[in-house]
PDB file of N, CA and C in Angstrom:
ATOM      1  N   MET A   1      -4.752   7.065  -9.263  1.00  0.00           N
ATOM      2  CA  MET A   1      -4.017   6.205  -8.369  1.00  0.00           C
ATOM      3  C   MET A   1      -3.018   7.055  -7.576  1.00  0.00           C
ATOM      4  N   LYS A   2      -2.907   6.767  -6.314  1.00  0.00           N
ATOM      5  CA  LYS A   2      -2.108   7.566  -5.393  1.00  0.00           C
ATOM      6  C   LYS A   2      -0.613   7.258  -5.447  1.00  0.00           C
ATOM      7  N   TYR A   3      -0.245   6.000  -5.594  1.00  0.00           N
ATOM      8  CA  TYR A   3       1.144   5.573  -5.492  1.00  0.00           C
ATOM      9  C   TYR A   3       1.801   5.419  -6.855  1.00  0.00           C
ATOM     10  N   LYS A   4       3.142   5.486  -6.853  1.00  0.00           N
ATOM     11  CA  LYS A   4       3.920   5.319  -8.082  1.00  0.00           C
ATOM     12  C   LYS A   4       4.775   4.068  -7.960  1.00  0.00           C
ATOM     13  N   VAL A   5       5.247   3.589  -9.099  1.00  0.00           N
ATOM     14  CA  VAL A   5       6.174   2.463  -9.115  1.00  0.00           C
ATOM     15  C   VAL A   5       7.413   2.860  -8.313  1.00  0.00           C
ATOM     16  N   GLY A   6       7.854   1.983  -7.433  1.00  0.00           N
ATOM     17  CA  GLY A   6       8.998   2.242  -6.579  1.00  0.00           C
ATOM     18  C   GLY A   6       8.625   2.701  -5.187  1.00  0.00           C
ATOM     19  N   ASP A   7       7.412   3.195  -4.981  1.00  0.00           N
ATOM     20  CA  ASP A   7       6.975   3.612  -3.646  1.00  0.00           C
ATOM     21  C   ASP A   7       6.875   2.416  -2.727  1.00  0.00           C
ATOM     22  N   ARG A   8       7.143   2.652  -1.454  1.00  0.00           N
ATOM     23  CA  ARG A   8       6.864   1.652  -0.424  1.00  0.00           C
ATOM     24  C   ARG A   8       5.652   2.136   0.346  1.00  0.00           C
ATOM     25  N   ALA A   9       4.764   1.216   0.626  1.00  0.00           N
ATOM     26  CA  ALA A   9       3.544   1.552   1.339  1.00  0.00           C
ATOM     27  C   ALA A   9       3.194   0.434   2.303  1.00  0.00           C
ATOM     28  N   LYS A  10       2.419   0.779   3.322  1.00  0.00           N
ATOM     29  CA  LYS A  10       1.987  -0.228   4.293  1.00  0.00           C
ATOM     30  C   LYS A  10       0.568  -0.658   3.943  1.00  0.00           C
ATOM     31  N   ILE A  11       0.389  -1.965   3.850  1.00  0.00           N
ATOM     32  CA  ILE A  11      -0.924  -2.527   3.565  1.00  0.00           C
ATOM     33  C   ILE A  11      -1.720  -2.563   4.865  1.00  0.00           C
ATOM     34  N   ARG A  12      -2.989  -2.202   4.787  1.00  0.00           N
ATOM     35  CA  ARG A  12      -3.849  -2.172   5.963  1.00  0.00           C
ATOM     36  C   ARG A  12      -3.977  -3.557   6.595  1.00  0.00           C
ATOM     37  N   GLN A  13      -4.338  -3.580   7.853  1.00  0.00           N
ATOM     38  CA  GLN A  13      -4.557  -4.829   8.579  1.00  0.00           C
ATOM     39  C   GLN A  13      -5.817  -5.528   8.067  1.00  0.00           C
ATOM     40  N   TRP A  14      -5.783  -6.850   8.037  1.00  0.00           N
ATOM     41  CA  TRP A  14      -6.912  -7.667   7.588  1.00  0.00           C
ATOM     42  C   TRP A  14      -8.176  -7.343   8.389  1.00  0.00           C
ATOM     43  N   GLU A  15      -8.054  -7.258   9.708  1.00  0.00           N
ATOM     44  CA  GLU A  15      -9.231  -7.024  10.552  1.00  0.00           C
ATOM     45  C   GLU A  15      -9.879  -5.677  10.253  1.00  0.00           C
ATOM     46  N   ALA A  16      -9.077  -4.659   9.979  1.00  0.00           N
ATOM     47  CA  ALA A  16      -9.627  -3.342   9.635  1.00  0.00           C
ATOM     48  C   ALA A  16     -10.388  -3.409   8.312  1.00  0.00           C
ATOM     49  N   MET A  17      -9.828  -4.125   7.347  1.00  0.00           N
ATOM     50  CA  MET A  17     -10.504  -4.276   6.053  1.00  0.00           C
ATOM     51  C   MET A  17     -11.794  -5.077   6.217  1.00  0.00           C
ATOM     52  N   LYS A  18     -11.746  -6.114   7.047  1.00  0.00           N
ATOM     53  CA  LYS A  18     -12.926  -6.950   7.283  1.00  0.00           C
ATOM     54  C   LYS A  18     -14.047  -6.120   7.915  1.00  0.00           C
ATOM     55  N   ARG A  19     -13.693  -5.279   8.899  1.00  0.00           N
ATOM     56  CA  ARG A  19     -14.708  -4.415   9.541  1.00  0.00           C
ATOM     57  C   ARG A  19     -15.308  -3.430   8.545  1.00  0.00           C
ATOM     58  N   GLN A  20     -14.479  -2.874   7.684  1.00  0.00           N
ATOM     59  CA  GLN A  20     -14.966  -1.862   6.752  1.00  0.00           C
ATOM     60  C   GLN A  20     -15.820  -2.454   5.635  1.00  0.00           C
ATOM     61  N   PHE A  21     -15.397  -3.578   5.048  1.00  0.00           N
ATOM     62  CA  PHE A  21     -16.056  -4.114   3.864  1.00  0.00           C
ATOM     63  C   PHE A  21     -16.872  -5.378   4.113  1.00  0.00           C
ATOM     64  N   GLY A  22     -16.569  -6.112   5.195  1.00  0.00           N
ATOM     65  CA  GLY A  22     -17.250  -7.372   5.457  1.00  0.00           C
ATOM     66  C   GLY A  22     -16.663  -8.501   4.623  1.00  0.00           C
ATOM     67  N   LEU A  23     -17.134  -9.719   4.896  1.00  0.00           N
ATOM     68  CA  LEU A  23     -16.659 -10.899   4.177  1.00  0.00           C
ATOM     69  C   LEU A  23     -17.739 -11.449   3.266  1.00  0.00           C
ATOM     70  N   ASP A  24     -17.315 -12.071   2.179  1.00  0.00           N
ATOM     71  CA  ASP A  24     -18.269 -12.754   1.304  1.00  0.00           C
ATOM     72  C   ASP A  24     -18.395 -14.217   1.741  1.00  0.00           C
ATOM     73  N   ASN A  25     -19.112 -15.016   1.011  1.00  0.00           N
ATOM     74  CA  ASN A  25     -19.351 -16.420   1.368  1.00  0.00           C
ATOM     75  C   ASN A  25     -18.089 -17.276   1.364  1.00  0.00           C
ATOM     76  N   ASN A  26     -17.047 -16.842   0.664  1.00  0.00           N
ATOM     77  CA  ASN A  26     -15.792 -17.595   0.598  1.00  0.00           C
ATOM     78  C   ASN A  26     -14.797 -17.198   1.687  1.00  0.00           C
ATOM     79  N   GLY A  27     -15.158 -16.226   2.517  1.00  0.00           N
ATOM     80  CA  GLY A  27     -14.227 -15.741   3.539  1.00  0.00           C
ATOM     81  C   GLY A  27     -13.301 -14.663   3.039  1.00  0.00           C
ATOM     82  N   ASP A  28     -13.498 -14.211   1.802  1.00  0.00           N
ATOM     83  CA  ASP A  28     -12.717 -13.109   1.244  1.00  0.00           C
ATOM     84  C   ASP A  28     -13.364 -11.792   1.645  1.00  0.00           C
ATOM     85  N   ILE A  29     -12.558 -10.745   1.727  1.00  0.00           N
ATOM     86  CA  ILE A  29     -13.112  -9.420   1.970  1.00  0.00           C
ATOM     87  C   ILE A  29     -13.871  -9.015   0.709  1.00  0.00           C
ATOM     88  N   LYS A  30     -15.062  -8.477   0.892  1.00  0.00           N
ATOM     89  CA  LYS A  30     -15.860  -8.059  -0.262  1.00  0.00           C
ATOM     90  C   LYS A  30     -15.065  -7.083  -1.114  1.00  0.00           C
ATOM     91  N   ASN A  31     -15.373  -6.991  -2.356  1.00  0.00           N
ATOM     92  CA  ASN A  31     -14.665  -6.177  -3.352  1.00  0.00           C
ATOM     93  C   ASN A  31     -13.426  -6.892  -3.865  1.00  0.00           C
ATOM     94  N   HIS A  32     -13.416  -8.225  -3.828  1.00  0.00           N
ATOM     95  CA  HIS A  32     -12.383  -9.051  -4.456  1.00  0.00           C
ATOM     96  C   HIS A  32     -11.041  -9.028  -3.751  1.00  0.00           C
ATOM     97  N   PHE A  33     -11.003  -8.869  -2.430  1.00  0.00           N
ATOM     98  CA  PHE A  33      -9.763  -8.947  -1.678  1.00  0.00           C
ATOM     99  C   PHE A  33      -9.635 -10.368  -1.165  1.00  0.00           C
ATOM    100  N   SER A  34      -8.884 -11.175  -1.825  1.00  0.00           N
ATOM    101  CA  SER A  34      -8.785 -12.608  -1.564  1.00  0.00           C
ATOM    102  C   SER A  34      -8.123 -12.931  -0.228  1.00  0.00           C
ATOM    103  N   ILE A  35      -8.612 -13.976   0.415  1.00  0.00           N
ATOM    104  CA  ILE A  35      -8.022 -14.422   1.678  1.00  0.00           C
ATOM    105  C   ILE A  35      -6.569 -14.862   1.479  1.00  0.00           C
ATOM    106  N   THR A  36      -6.200 -15.245   0.268  1.00  0.00           N
ATOM    107  CA  THR A  36      -4.804 -15.622  -0.001  1.00  0.00           C
ATOM    108  C   THR A  36      -3.873 -14.415   0.090  1.00  0.00           C
ATOM    109  N   MET A  37      -4.433 -13.202   0.049  1.00  0.00           N
ATOM    110  CA  MET A  37      -3.642 -11.983   0.176  1.00  0.00           C
ATOM    111  C   MET A  37      -3.444 -11.594   1.642  1.00  0.00           C
ATOM    112  N   LYS A  38      -4.096 -12.302   2.556  1.00  0.00           N
ATOM    113  CA  LYS A  38      -4.075 -11.947   3.982  1.00  0.00           C
ATOM    114  C   LYS A  38      -2.652 -11.866   4.530  1.00  0.00           C
ATOM    115  N   ARG A  39      -1.751 -12.675   4.021  1.00  0.00           N
ATOM    116  CA  ARG A  39      -0.366 -12.689   4.527  1.00  0.00           C
ATOM    117  C   ARG A  39       0.355 -11.366   4.304  1.00  0.00           C
ATOM    118  N   PHE A  40      -0.132 -10.525   3.403  1.00  0.00           N
ATOM    119  CA  PHE A  40       0.512  -9.241   3.125  1.00  0.00           C
ATOM    120  C   PHE A  40      -0.036  -8.102   3.981  1.00  0.00           C
ATOM    121  N   TYR A  41      -1.181  -8.310   4.604  1.00  0.00           N
ATOM    122  CA  TYR A  41      -1.808  -7.226   5.352  1.00  0.00           C
ATOM    123  C   TYR A  41      -0.977  -6.854   6.566  1.00  0.00           C
ATOM    124  N   GLY A  42      -0.807  -5.529   6.773  1.00  0.00           N
ATOM    125  CA  GLY A  42       0.002  -5.013   7.865  1.00  0.00           C
ATOM    126  C   GLY A  42       1.484  -4.930   7.538  1.00  0.00           C
ATOM    127  N   LYS A  43       1.880  -5.324   6.333  1.00  0.00           N
ATOM    128  CA  LYS A  43       3.292  -5.330   5.943  1.00  0.00           C
ATOM    129  C   LYS A  43       3.624  -4.137   5.049  1.00  0.00           C
ATOM    130  N   ILE A  44       4.897  -3.785   5.074  1.00  0.00           N
ATOM    131  CA  ILE A  44       5.395  -2.741   4.180  1.00  0.00           C
ATOM    132  C   ILE A  44       5.887  -3.425   2.917  1.00  0.00           C
ATOM    133  N   VAL A  45       5.420  -2.934   1.771  1.00  0.00           N
ATOM    134  CA  VAL A  45       5.727  -3.560   0.484  1.00  0.00           C
ATOM    135  C   VAL A  45       6.186  -2.495  -0.510  1.00  0.00           C
ATOM    136  N   ARG A  46       6.839  -2.948  -1.586  1.00  0.00           N
ATOM    137  CA  ARG A  46       7.269  -2.043  -2.658  1.00  0.00           C
ATOM    138  C   ARG A  46       6.367  -2.262  -3.871  1.00  0.00           C
ATOM    139  N   ILE A  47       5.891  -1.174  -4.439  1.00  0.00           N
ATOM    140  CA  ILE A  47       5.036  -1.234  -5.621  1.00  0.00           C
ATOM    141  C   ILE A  47       5.920  -1.357  -6.855  1.00  0.00           C
ATOM    142  N   ILE A  48       5.654  -2.381  -7.675  1.00  0.00           N
ATOM    143  CA  ILE A  48       6.481  -2.611  -8.863  1.00  0.00           C
ATOM    144  C   ILE A  48       5.740  -2.320 -10.156  1.00  0.00           C
ATOM    145  N   ALA A  49       4.406  -2.176 -10.095  1.00  0.00           N
ATOM    146  CA  ALA A  49       3.624  -1.842 -11.286  1.00  0.00           C
ATOM    147  C   ALA A  49       2.337  -1.175 -10.840  1.00  0.00           C
ATOM    148  N   ALA A  50       1.862  -0.239 -11.654  1.00  0.00           N
ATOM    149  CA  ALA A  50       0.614   0.459 -11.352  1.00  0.00           C
ATOM    150  C   ALA A  50      -0.160   0.666 -12.638  1.00  0.00           C
ATOM    151  N   SER A  51      -1.452   0.382 -12.587  1.00  0.00           N
ATOM    152  CA  SER A  51      -2.336   0.634 -13.724  1.00  0.00           C
ATOM    153  C   SER A  51      -3.467   1.539 -13.237  1.00  0.00           C
ATOM    154  N   GLU A  52      -4.513   1.680 -14.013  1.00  0.00           N
ATOM    155  CA  GLU A  52      -5.621   2.559 -13.635  1.00  0.00           C
ATOM    156  C   GLU A  52      -6.294   2.156 -12.335  1.00  0.00           C
ATOM    157  N   ASP A  53      -6.346   0.856 -12.041  1.00  0.00           N
ATOM    158  CA  ASP A  53      -7.084   0.406 -10.863  1.00  0.00           C
ATOM    159  C   ASP A  53      -6.373  -0.674 -10.062  1.00  0.00           C
ATOM    160  N   CYS A  54      -5.067  -0.871 -10.308  1.00  0.00           N
ATOM    161  CA  CYS A  54      -4.384  -1.993  -9.667  1.00  0.00           C
ATOM    162  C   CYS A  54      -2.904  -1.693  -9.454  1.00  0.00           C
ATOM    163  N   TYR A  55      -2.414  -2.084  -8.270  1.00  0.00           N
ATOM    164  CA  TYR A  55      -0.981  -2.057  -7.983  1.00  0.00           C
ATOM    165  C   TYR A  55      -0.500  -3.493  -7.833  1.00  0.00           C
ATOM    166  N   ASN A  56       0.690  -3.752  -8.325  1.00  0.00           N
ATOM    167  CA  ASN A  56       1.353  -5.025  -8.058  1.00  0.00           C
ATOM    168  C   ASN A  56       2.517  -4.721  -7.138  1.00  0.00           C
ATOM    169  N   ILE A  57       2.817  -5.650  -6.225  1.00  0.00           N
ATOM    170  CA  ILE A  57       3.867  -5.424  -5.252  1.00  0.00           C
ATOM    171  C   ILE A  57       4.984  -6.449  -5.423  1.00  0.00           C
ATOM    172  N   TYR A  58       6.163  -6.108  -4.898  1.00  0.00           N
ATOM    173  CA  TYR A  58       7.312  -7.007  -4.969  1.00  0.00           C
ATOM    174  C   TYR A  58       7.454  -7.705  -3.625  1.00  0.00           C
ATOM    175  N   GLU A  59       6.779  -8.791  -3.455  1.00  0.00           N
ATOM    176  CA  GLU A  59       6.854  -9.579  -2.229  1.00  0.00           C
ATOM    177  C   GLU A  59       6.385 -10.986  -2.545  1.00  0.00           C
ATOM    178  N   ASP A  60       7.233 -11.972  -2.385  1.00  0.00           N
ATOM    179  CA  ASP A  60       6.827 -13.372  -2.386  1.00  0.00           C
ATOM    180  C   ASP A  60       5.837 -13.724  -3.509  1.00  0.00           C
ATOM    181  N   ASN A  61       6.204 -13.486  -4.747  1.00  0.00           N
ATOM    182  CA  ASN A  61       5.357 -13.795  -5.911  1.00  0.00           C
ATOM    183  C   ASN A  61       4.041 -13.026  -5.927  1.00  0.00           C
ATOM    184  N   ALA A  62       4.010 -11.872  -5.280  1.00  0.00           N
ATOM    185  CA  ALA A  62       2.784 -11.084  -5.215  1.00  0.00           C
ATOM    186  C   ALA A  62       2.409 -10.354  -6.497  1.00  0.00           C
ATOM    187  N   PRO A  63       3.256 -10.271  -7.535  1.00  0.00           N
ATOM    188  CA  PRO A  63       2.806  -9.563  -8.741  1.00  0.00           C
ATOM    189  C   PRO A  63       1.516 -10.127  -9.314  1.00  0.00           C
ATOM    190  N   TYR A  64       1.148 -11.320  -8.884  1.00  0.00           N
ATOM    191  CA  TYR A  64      -0.085 -11.918  -9.386  1.00  0.00           C
ATOM    192  C   TYR A  64      -1.320 -11.364  -8.684  1.00  0.00           C
ATOM    193  N   TYR A  65      -1.134 -10.635  -7.585  1.00  0.00           N
ATOM    194  CA  TYR A  65      -2.245 -10.064  -6.839  1.00  0.00           C
ATOM    195  C   TYR A  65      -2.439  -8.600  -7.219  1.00  0.00           C
ATOM    196  N   CYS A  66      -3.675  -8.148  -7.143  1.00  0.00           N
ATOM    197  CA  CYS A  66      -4.012  -6.757  -7.459  1.00  0.00           C
ATOM    198  C   CYS A  66      -4.415  -6.037  -6.171  1.00  0.00           C
ATOM    199  N   PHE A  67      -3.688  -4.991  -5.828  1.00  0.00           N
ATOM    200  CA  PHE A  67      -4.005  -4.162  -4.674  1.00  0.00           C
ATOM    201  C   PHE A  67      -4.523  -2.816  -5.176  1.00  0.00           C
ATOM    202  N   ASN A  68      -5.355  -2.147  -4.367  1.00  0.00           N
ATOM    203  CA  ASN A  68      -5.835  -0.817  -4.761  1.00  0.00           C
ATOM    204  C   ASN A  68      -5.648   0.167  -3.609  1.00  0.00           C
ATOM    205  N   ASP A  69      -5.951   1.432  -3.849  1.00  0.00           N
ATOM    206  CA  ASP A  69      -5.702   2.480  -2.860  1.00  0.00           C
ATOM    207  C   ASP A  69      -6.352   2.199  -1.509  1.00  0.00           C
ATOM    208  N   THR A  70      -7.542   1.609  -1.491  1.00  0.00           N
ATOM    209  CA  THR A  70      -8.233   1.364  -0.219  1.00  0.00           C
ATOM    210  C   THR A  70      -7.533   0.321   0.638  1.00  0.00           C
ATOM    211  N   MET A  71      -6.591  -0.413   0.065  1.00  0.00           N
ATOM    212  CA  MET A  71      -5.908  -1.478   0.797  1.00  0.00           C
ATOM    213  C   MET A  71      -4.627  -0.997   1.482  1.00  0.00           C
ATOM    214  N   PHE A  72      -4.226   0.263   1.248  1.00  0.00           N
ATOM    215  CA  PHE A  72      -2.997   0.786   1.826  1.00  0.00           C
ATOM    216  C   PHE A  72      -3.301   1.801   2.921  1.00  0.00           C
ATOM    217  N   GLU A  73      -2.468   1.786   3.990  1.00  0.00           N
ATOM    218  CA  GLU A  73      -2.567   2.786   5.055  1.00  0.00           C
ATOM    219  C   GLU A  73      -1.871   4.070   4.646  1.00  0.00           C
ATOM    220  N   GLY A  74      -0.787   3.955   3.917  1.00  0.00           N
ATOM    221  CA  GLY A  74      -0.027   5.134   3.513  1.00  0.00           C
ATOM    222  C   GLY A  74       1.387   4.756   3.121  1.00  0.00           C
ATOM    223  N   TYR A  75       2.185   5.781   2.832  1.00  0.00           N
ATOM    224  CA  TYR A  75       3.575   5.580   2.448  1.00  0.00           C
ATOM    225  C   TYR A  75       4.385   5.086   3.643  1.00  0.00           C
ATOM    226  N   ALA A  76       5.494   4.411   3.372  1.00  0.00           N
ATOM    227  CA  ALA A  76       6.395   3.941   4.419  1.00  0.00           C
ATOM    228  C   ALA A  76       7.818   4.321   4.035  1.00  0.00           C
ATOM    229  N   PHE A  77       8.570   4.827   5.012  1.00  0.00           N
ATOM    230  CA  PHE A  77       9.938   5.250   4.781  1.00  0.00           C
ATOM    231  C   PHE A  77      10.847   4.635   5.829  1.00  0.00           C
ATOM    232  N   GLU A  78      12.126   4.579   5.539  1.00  0.00           N
ATOM    233  CA  GLU A  78      13.111   4.053   6.468  1.00  0.00           C
ATOM    234  C   GLU A  78      13.952   5.186   7.031  1.00  0.00           C
ATOM    235  N   TYR A  79      14.570   4.928   8.170  1.00  0.00           N
ATOM    236  CA  TYR A  79      15.426   5.897   8.848  1.00  0.00           C
ATOM    237  C   TYR A  79      16.498   6.440   7.906  1.00  0.00           C
ATOM    238  N   GLY A  80      16.594   7.763   7.820  1.00  0.00           N
ATOM    239  CA  GLY A  80      17.632   8.403   7.032  1.00  0.00           C
ATOM    240  C   GLY A  80      17.368   8.461   5.540  1.00  0.00           C
ATOM    241  N   GLU A  81      16.241   7.970   5.113  1.00  0.00           N
ATOM    242  CA  GLU A  81      15.936   7.930   3.678  1.00  0.00           C
ATOM    243  C   GLU A  81      15.547   9.310   3.165  1.00  0.00           C
ATOM    244  N   GLU A  82      16.000   9.618   1.965  1.00  0.00           N
ATOM    245  CA  GLU A  82      15.590  10.858   1.321  1.00  0.00           C
ATOM    246  C   GLU A  82      14.251  10.618   0.644  1.00  0.00           C
ATOM    247  N   ALA A  83      13.317  11.542   0.830  1.00  0.00           N
ATOM    248  CA  ALA A  83      11.976  11.368   0.271  1.00  0.00           C
ATOM    249  C   ALA A  83      11.501  12.673  -0.330  1.00  0.00           C
ATOM    250  N   GLU A  84      10.547  12.584  -1.228  1.00  0.00           N
ATOM    251  CA  GLU A  84       9.937  13.765  -1.828  1.00  0.00           C
ATOM    252  C   GLU A  84       8.548  13.949  -1.246  1.00  0.00           C
ATOM    253  N   PHE A  85       8.199  15.198  -0.933  1.00  0.00           N
ATOM    254  CA  PHE A  85       6.892  15.512  -0.365  1.00  0.00           C
ATOM    255  C   PHE A  85       6.241  16.630  -1.154  1.00  0.00           C
ATOM    256  N   SER A  86       4.938  16.620  -1.195  1.00  0.00           N
ATOM    257  CA  SER A  86       4.192  17.673  -1.861  1.00  0.00           C
ATOM    258  C   SER A  86       2.985  18.026  -1.018  1.00  0.00           C
ATOM    259  N   ASP A  87       2.801  19.323  -0.776  1.00  0.00           N
ATOM    260  CA  ASP A  87       1.599  19.761  -0.065  1.00  0.00           C
ATOM    261  C   ASP A  87       0.455  20.031  -1.025  1.00  0.00           C
ATOM    262  N   ASP A  88       0.797  20.434  -2.235  1.00  0.00           N
ATOM    263  CA  ASP A  88      -0.251  20.802  -3.198  1.00  0.00           C
ATOM    264  C   ASP A  88      -0.228  19.940  -4.454  1.00  0.00           C
ATOM    265  N   LYS A  89       0.509  18.828  -4.419  1.00  0.00           N
ATOM    266  CA  LYS A  89       0.627  17.880  -5.524  1.00  0.00           C
ATOM    267  C   LYS A  89       1.343  18.477  -6.747  1.00  0.00           C
ATOM    268  N   GLU A  90       1.934  19.661  -6.609  1.00  0.00           N
ATOM    269  CA  GLU A  90       2.680  20.258  -7.711  1.00  0.00           C
ATOM    270  C   GLU A  90       4.093  20.651  -7.280  1.00  0.00           C
ATOM    271  N   ASP A  91       4.229  21.263  -6.111  1.00  0.00           N
ATOM    272  CA  ASP A  91       5.540  21.699  -5.631  1.00  0.00           C
ATOM    273  C   ASP A  91       6.133  20.606  -4.754  1.00  0.00           C
ATOM    274  N   TRP A  92       7.260  20.045  -5.185  1.00  0.00           N
ATOM    275  CA  TRP A  92       7.902  18.949  -4.471  1.00  0.00           C
ATOM    276  C   TRP A  92       9.176  19.435  -3.819  1.00  0.00           C
ATOM    277  N   CYS A  93       9.497  18.883  -2.673  1.00  0.00           N
ATOM    278  CA  CYS A  93      10.777  19.181  -2.031  1.00  0.00           C
ATOM    279  C   CYS A  93      11.335  17.880  -1.477  1.00  0.00           C
ATOM    280  N   LYS A  94      12.659  17.816  -1.359  1.00  0.00           N
ATOM    281  CA  LYS A  94      13.301  16.615  -0.827  1.00  0.00           C
ATOM    282  C   LYS A  94      13.726  16.885   0.612  1.00  0.00           C
ATOM    283  N   ARG A  95      13.551  15.858   1.444  1.00  0.00           N
ATOM    284  CA  ARG A  95      13.957  15.946   2.839  1.00  0.00           C
ATOM    285  C   ARG A  95      14.621  14.638   3.236  1.00  0.00           C
ATOM    286  N   ILE A  96      15.552  14.734   4.150  1.00  0.00           N
ATOM    287  CA  ILE A  96      16.145  13.541   4.739  1.00  0.00           C
ATOM    288  C   ILE A  96      15.326  13.229   5.985  1.00  0.00           C
ATOM    289  N   LEU A  97      14.812  12.013   6.058  1.00  0.00           N
ATOM    290  CA  LEU A  97      13.987  11.629   7.191  1.00  0.00           C
ATOM    291  C   LEU A  97      14.855  11.211   8.363  1.00  0.00           C
ATOM    292  N   CYS A  98      14.474  11.615   9.545  1.00  0.00           N
ATOM    293  CA  CYS A  98      15.247  11.323  10.740  1.00  0.00           C
ATOM    294  C   CYS A  98      14.625  10.231  11.591  1.00  0.00           C
ATOM    295  N   TRP A  99      13.481   9.729  11.232  1.00  0.00           N
ATOM    296  CA  TRP A  99      12.816   8.674  11.957  1.00  0.00           C
ATOM    297  C   TRP A  99      11.886   7.939  11.008  1.00  0.00           C
ATOM    298  N   LEU A 100      11.404   6.787  11.422  1.00  0.00           N
ATOM    299  CA  LEU A 100      10.428   6.050  10.612  1.00  0.00           C
ATOM    300  C   LEU A 100       9.169   6.887  10.557  1.00  0.00           C
ATOM    301  N   TYR A 101       8.698   7.146   9.358  1.00  0.00           N
ATOM    302  CA  TYR A 101       7.575   8.056   9.187  1.00  0.00           C
ATOM    303  C   TYR A 101       6.662   7.531   8.096  1.00  0.00           C
ATOM    304  N   ARG A 102       5.390   7.534   8.352  1.00  0.00           N
ATOM    305  CA  ARG A 102       4.410   7.127   7.341  1.00  0.00           C
ATOM    306  C   ARG A 102       3.618   8.342   6.918  1.00  0.00           C
ATOM    307  N   TRP A 103       3.528   8.536   5.648  1.00  0.00           N
ATOM    308  CA  TRP A 103       2.793   9.667   5.086  1.00  0.00           C
ATOM    309  C   TRP A 103       1.515   9.118   4.472  1.00  0.00           C
ATOM    310  N   GLY A 104       0.349   9.557   4.891  1.00  0.00           N
ATOM    311  CA  GLY A 104      -0.893   8.974   4.408  1.00  0.00           C
ATOM    312  C   GLY A 104      -1.835   9.937   3.795  1.00  0.00           C
TER     313      GLY A 104
END
């Protein structure tokens, strides 16, 4: 799993997911992406729990929904926020961000 508890990430747009995976007979995106989750697509959310194959987010009772790596565009940061980055997944450095930046 790519993200950690506490990370903020942007959820992909519904239309992009629909084009990539298609819809099932119920109007849900194939691979169990429920249409009831559509309200979160395109939004920046905070991850509050992570397991082997599922993230839960802190938004409007969303802990009941399961998100996975394919549903996120990338990390999301706010102006002036301190963040940790890694080029090789081992060496980390902290930087103060000067603009809204998404790391994907």
